[in-house]
Amino acid sequence: MDLKNNIKVFGAFKKTVDGLYAVITAIRVLAVILLVLQAIFLITENGKSFSGILEKIDL
């Protein structure tokens, strides 16, 4: 393979790695959101009433 093809292959590989990094970051953000929601539900009324939480924050 010549240098031009190597650069194209490495560019495609870099785009793939960047895409996977974006997917992993999105999954991590979703996991943190779910953990925060879980903590809120465990702290407030054992998580039995979502409407109670909405009333407390005036939504």
C-alpha atoms as a PDB file:
ATOM      1  CA  MET A   1       0.000   0.000   0.000  1.00  0.00           C
ATOM      2  CA  ASP A   2       1.217   3.449  -0.729  1.00  0.00           C
ATOM      3  CA  LEU A   3       1.177   6.423   1.610  1.00  0.00           C
ATOM      4  CA  LYS A   4      -2.065   7.885   0.224  1.00  0.00           C
ATOM      5  CA  ASN A   5      -4.005   4.688   0.961  1.00  0.00           C
ATOM      6  CA  ASN A   6      -2.485   4.483   4.445  1.00  0.00           C
ATOM      7  CA  ILE A   7      -3.661   8.018   5.208  1.00  0.00           C
ATOM      8  CA  LYS A   8      -7.191   7.148   4.015  1.00  0.00           C
ATOM      9  CA  VAL A   9      -7.257   3.999   6.153  1.00  0.00           C
ATOM     10  CA  PHE A  10      -6.049   5.850   9.231  1.00  0.00           C
ATOM     11  CA  GLY A  11      -8.571   8.634   8.605  1.00  0.00           C
ATOM     12  CA  ALA A  12     -11.417   6.121   8.401  1.00  0.00           C
ATOM     13  CA  PHE A  13     -10.147   4.384  11.538  1.00  0.00           C
ATOM     14  CA  LYS A  14     -10.006   7.724  13.382  1.00  0.00           C
ATOM     15  CA  LYS A  15     -13.592   8.521  12.349  1.00  0.00           C
ATOM     16  CA  THR A  16     -14.710   5.106  13.596  1.00  0.00           C
ATOM     17  CA  VAL A  17     -12.965   5.574  16.935  1.00  0.00           C
ATOM     18  CA  ASP A  18     -14.423   9.084  17.305  1.00  0.00           C
ATOM     19  CA  GLY A  19     -17.905   7.712  16.574  1.00  0.00           C
ATOM     20  CA  LEU A  20     -17.513   4.974  19.159  1.00  0.00           C
ATOM     21  CA  TYR A  21     -16.271   7.532  21.685  1.00  0.00           C
ATOM     22  CA  ALA A  22     -19.403   9.617  21.065  1.00  0.00           C
ATOM     23  CA  VAL A  23     -21.622   6.552  21.588  1.00  0.00           C
ATOM     24  CA  ILE A  24     -19.812   5.661  24.819  1.00  0.00           C
ATOM     25  CA  THR A  25     -20.129   9.245  26.060  1.00  0.00           C
ATOM     26  CA  ALA A  26     -23.874   9.229  25.361  1.00  0.00           C
ATOM     27  CA  ILE A  27     -24.263   5.950  27.266  1.00  0.00           C
ATOM     28  CA  ARG A  28     -22.303   7.371  30.205  1.00  0.00           C
ATOM     29  CA  VAL A  29     -24.485  10.507  30.314  1.00  0.00           C
ATOM     30  CA  LEU A  30     -27.626   8.356  30.239  1.00  0.00           C
ATOM     31  CA  ALA A  31     -26.250   6.195  33.054  1.00  0.00           C
ATOM     32  CA  VAL A  32     -25.572   9.252  35.221  1.00  0.00           C
ATOM     33  CA  ILE A  33     -29.095  10.570  34.591  1.00  0.00           C
ATOM     34  CA  LEU A  34     -30.581   7.216  35.579  1.00  0.00           C
ATOM     35  CA  LEU A  35     -28.460   7.111  38.740  1.00  0.00           C
ATOM     36  CA  VAL A  36     -29.616  10.598  39.734  1.00  0.00           C
ATOM     37  CA  LEU A  37     -33.247   9.650  39.150  1.00  0.00           C
ATOM     38  CA  GLN A  38     -32.765   6.489  41.182  1.00  0.00           C
ATOM     39  CA  ALA A  39     -31.301   8.493  44.061  1.00  0.00           C
ATOM     40  CA  ILE A  40     -34.231  10.932  43.938  1.00  0.00           C
ATOM     41  CA  PHE A  41     -36.758   8.100  44.001  1.00  0.00           C
ATOM     42  CA  LEU A  42     -35.005   6.360  46.876  1.00  0.00           C
ATOM     43  CA  ILE A  43     -34.801   9.550  48.948  1.00  0.00           C
ATOM     44  CA  THR A  44     -38.370  10.749  48.395  1.00  0.00           C
ATOM     45  CA  GLU A  45     -41.162   8.553  49.731  1.00  0.00           C
ATOM     46  CA  ASN A  46     -39.424   5.323  48.735  1.00  0.00           C
ATOM     47  CA  GLY A  47     -40.122   6.127  45.107  1.00  0.00           C
ATOM     48  CA  LYS A  48     -43.811   5.276  45.408  1.00  0.00           C
ATOM     49  CA  SER A  49     -45.250   8.514  44.058  1.00  0.00           C
ATOM     50  CA  PHE A  50     -43.891  10.412  41.096  1.00  0.00           C
ATOM     51  CA  SER A  51     -46.723  12.955  41.381  1.00  0.00           C
ATOM     52  CA  GLY A  52     -45.522  13.787  44.890  1.00  0.00           C
ATOM     53  CA  ILE A  53     -42.136  14.742  43.514  1.00  0.00           C
ATOM     54  CA  LEU A  54     -43.733  16.957  40.879  1.00  0.00           C
ATOM     55  CA  GLU A  55     -45.806  18.706  43.543  1.00  0.00           C
ATOM     56  CA  LYS A  56     -42.690  19.366  45.622  1.00  0.00           C
ATOM     57  CA  ILE A  57     -40.885  21.059  42.736  1.00  0.00           C
ATOM     58  CA  ASP A  58     -44.062  22.866  41.530  1.00  0.00           C
ATOM     59  CA  LEU A  59     -44.301  21.434  38.020  1.00  0.00           C
END
